[in-house]
C-alpha cells in the first residue's frame, strides 16, 4: 500500500505519517531528505529525530530517492519518506537539470512497483499567492506536479489541515 500525506507547514503531516508507520506493525525505515544547511533547519531535524522511535532504521538521502527506495523496500517493511518537497528543493538547488529530470523520472517510475508499505510526506504549497522569483515559482509548480503524480500512484491520499486529517483518496 502506498499513501501520500500532504499539508502545509506545521499541519501535522509528519506526526500522522509517523503514527501510521508505527501502527503498521512492520519494520520501519525512515528516509530523511532534509539537509541541515543552517541552524534553524538543524533544529527542525533534531526535533524530528527526537520524536522517532529508536528502533527505526534511518536513511538520510537528499538526492537519489528512487535508488534508496529500491534498496530498502520489502514486503515486510514500511518506508516513510519525509519529505518529497525537501527532496525536490535539494534537486532544484543542485543546479543540474539533467540530475533533476533523471531523479524525478526515476522516482515516479519506481514508486508503483515498490513492495511493502510506502508513506510519503509532502508539502502542499500551491494554495497561496504566486511566489515572487523564478526559482520560487518553479518550486511551486514542480511541487504541484510531483504531488499530482504521487497522488495518482498512491492508493491513499490525506490532506492535513490544523492537525486534522482529511481523506482525499481512500
Protein backbone atom coordinates (compact mmCIF):
# COMPACT_ATOMS: atom_id res chain seq x y z
CA UNK A 1 0.00 0.00 0.00
CA UNK A 2 1.20 3.47 -0.87
CA UNK A 3 -0.05 6.61 0.77
CA UNK A 4 0.64 10.31 0.38
CA UNK A 5 0.17 12.75 3.25
CA UNK A 6 0.00 16.40 2.13
CA UNK A 7 -0.22 19.56 4.17
CA UNK A 8 1.21 22.95 4.87
CA UNK A 9 3.96 23.80 7.33
CA UNK A 10 3.22 22.54 10.84
CA UNK A 11 -0.03 20.95 9.69
CA UNK A 12 0.72 17.65 11.45
CA UNK A 13 1.63 15.68 8.33
CA UNK A 14 4.88 14.21 9.71
CA UNK A 15 3.25 13.23 13.00
CA UNK A 16 0.43 11.47 11.16
CA UNK A 17 2.92 9.68 8.90
CA UNK A 18 4.94 8.53 11.92
CA UNK A 19 1.78 7.35 13.67
CA UNK A 20 0.71 5.36 10.60
CA UNK A 21 4.17 3.85 10.25
CA UNK A 22 4.14 2.79 13.93
CA UNK A 23 0.65 1.33 13.60
CA UNK A 24 1.63 -0.69 10.51
CA UNK A 25 3.24 -3.37 12.67
CA UNK A 26 6.07 -3.56 10.12
CA UNK A 27 9.76 -2.78 10.48
CA UNK A 28 10.09 0.94 9.67
CA UNK A 29 12.78 2.60 7.61
CA UNK A 30 12.60 6.39 7.81
CA UNK A 31 14.06 8.07 4.73
CA UNK A 32 15.02 11.64 5.58
CA UNK A 33 15.61 14.01 2.68
CA UNK A 34 16.46 17.15 4.68
CA UNK A 35 19.92 18.64 4.91
CA UNK A 36 20.98 20.95 7.73
CA UNK A 37 22.04 23.97 5.72
CA UNK A 38 21.60 26.35 8.67
CA UNK A 39 20.89 26.37 12.41
CA UNK A 40 17.14 26.62 12.05
CA UNK A 41 16.99 23.58 9.77
CA UNK A 42 19.34 21.68 12.09
CA UNK A 43 16.89 22.37 14.93
CA UNK A 44 13.98 21.09 12.82
CA UNK A 45 15.90 17.92 12.02
CA UNK A 46 16.76 17.44 15.71
CA UNK A 47 13.08 17.79 16.62
CA UNK A 48 12.15 15.07 14.12
CA UNK A 49 14.95 12.79 15.36
CA UNK A 50 13.85 13.16 18.98
CA UNK A 51 10.30 12.15 18.08
CA UNK A 52 11.20 8.96 16.19
CA UNK A 53 11.39 5.56 17.89
CA UNK A 54 14.99 4.44 18.48
CA UNK A 55 14.41 1.07 16.77
CA UNK A 56 13.52 2.61 13.40
CA UNK A 57 16.16 2.35 10.70
CA UNK A 58 17.13 5.83 9.48
CA UNK A 59 18.46 6.56 5.99
CA UNK A 60 19.47 10.08 5.02
CA UNK A 61 19.23 10.65 1.28
CA UNK A 62 18.87 14.17 -0.11
CA UNK A 63 19.03 13.38 -3.86
CA UNK A 64 18.86 9.76 -5.01
CA UNK A 65 15.48 8.84 -3.58
CA UNK A 66 14.47 6.24 -6.20
CA UNK A 67 17.61 4.21 -5.64
CA UNK A 68 17.15 4.37 -1.86
CA UNK A 69 13.53 3.25 -2.14
CA UNK A 70 14.54 0.39 -4.41
CA UNK A 71 17.24 -0.73 -1.95
CA UNK A 72 15.06 -0.66 1.17
CA UNK A 73 11.55 -1.61 0.04
CA UNK A 74 10.43 -5.10 1.09
CA UNK A 75 7.07 -6.79 1.70
CA UNK A 76 7.62 -6.81 5.48
CA UNK A 77 8.81 -3.20 5.69
CA UNK A 78 7.26 0.25 5.91
CA UNK A 79 9.21 3.06 4.27
CA UNK A 80 8.41 6.58 5.44
CA UNK A 81 9.78 9.36 3.22
CA UNK A 82 9.85 12.78 4.85
CA UNK A 83 9.63 14.74 2.70
CA UNK A 84 9.20 14.96 -1.06
CA UNK A 85 9.32 18.76 -1.17
CA UNK A 86 12.67 18.91 0.65
CA UNK A 87 13.97 16.33 -1.83
CA UNK A 88 12.61 18.47 -4.66
CA UNK A 89 14.33 21.53 -3.17
CA UNK A 90 17.64 19.66 -2.99
CA UNK A 91 17.35 18.66 -6.64
CA UNK A 92 16.43 22.17 -7.81
CA UNK A 93 19.22 23.76 -5.78
CA UNK A 94 21.79 21.34 -7.22
CA UNK A 95 21.54 23.42 -10.41
CA UNK A 96 21.78 20.33 -12.59
CA UNK A 97 18.76 19.99 -14.87
CA UNK A 98 19.79 16.52 -16.06
CA UNK A 99 20.04 15.30 -12.45
CA UNK A 100 16.64 16.83 -11.66
CA UNK A 101 14.91 15.22 -14.64
CA UNK A 102 16.63 11.85 -14.12
CA UNK A 103 15.85 11.59 -10.38
CA UNK A 104 12.26 12.80 -10.71
CA UNK A 105 11.57 10.33 -13.52
CA UNK A 106 13.28 7.50 -11.62
CA UNK A 107 11.16 8.17 -8.53
CA UNK A 108 7.88 8.17 -10.46
CA UNK A 109 8.94 5.05 -12.35
CA UNK A 110 9.91 3.01 -9.27
CA UNK A 111 7.07 4.09 -6.96
CA UNK A 112 4.27 1.91 -8.43
CA UNK A 113 6.33 -1.29 -8.24
CA UNK A 114 7.69 -0.99 -4.70
CA UNK A 115 6.74 -3.80 -2.30
CA UNK A 116 5.63 -3.21 1.28
CA UNK A 117 4.04 -0.11 2.73
CA UNK A 118 5.21 3.29 1.47
CA UNK A 119 4.26 6.53 3.26
CA UNK A 120 5.20 9.76 1.51
CA UNK A 121 5.05 13.18 3.17
CA UNK A 122 4.89 16.30 1.02
CA UNK A 123 4.04 19.96 1.41
CA UNK A 124 1.03 21.42 -0.33
CA UNK A 125 2.44 24.77 -1.42
CA UNK A 126 0.06 25.87 -4.16
CA UNK A 127 -2.79 27.24 -2.06
CA UNK A 128 -1.43 30.75 -1.62
CA UNK A 129 -0.20 33.57 -3.80
CA UNK A 130 2.07 33.00 -6.78
CA UNK A 131 5.61 33.33 -5.41
CA UNK A 132 7.98 36.08 -6.45
CA UNK A 133 11.11 34.96 -8.23
CA UNK A 134 11.76 32.36 -10.88
CA UNK A 135 13.13 29.63 -8.58
CA UNK A 136 10.23 30.02 -6.13
CA UNK A 137 7.68 29.78 -8.93
CA UNK A 138 9.43 26.76 -10.41
CA UNK A 139 9.50 25.07 -6.99
CA UNK A 140 5.77 25.70 -6.51
CA UNK A 141 4.97 24.36 -9.99
CA UNK A 142 7.23 21.32 -9.67
CA UNK A 143 5.86 20.51 -6.20
CA UNK A 144 2.31 20.68 -7.54
CA UNK A 145 3.11 18.41 -10.49
CA UNK A 146 5.04 15.96 -8.28
CA UNK A 147 2.19 15.80 -5.76
CA UNK A 148 -0.31 15.16 -8.57
CA UNK A 149 1.76 12.29 -9.94
CA UNK A 150 2.37 10.79 -6.49
CA UNK A 151 -1.35 11.11 -5.64
CA UNK A 152 -2.26 9.33 -8.88
CA UNK A 153 0.02 6.41 -7.96
CA UNK A 154 -0.87 6.15 -4.25
CA UNK A 155 -3.92 4.24 -3.06
CA UNK A 156 -4.49 6.63 -0.14
CA UNK A 157 -4.06 10.41 -0.03
CA UNK A 158 -4.66 12.52 3.07
CA UNK A 159 -4.60 16.31 3.41
CA UNK A 160 -3.61 17.60 6.85
CA UNK A 161 -5.04 20.95 7.99
CA UNK A 162 -4.52 22.26 11.54
CA UNK A 163 -3.66 18.78 12.78
CA UNK A 164 -6.79 17.25 11.28
CA UNK A 165 -6.65 14.57 8.56
CA UNK A 166 -8.93 14.96 5.56
CA UNK A 167 -9.02 11.82 3.40
CA UNK A 168 -8.88 12.73 -0.28
CA UNK A 169 -8.42 9.25 -1.73
CA UNK A 170 -9.16 6.00 0.11
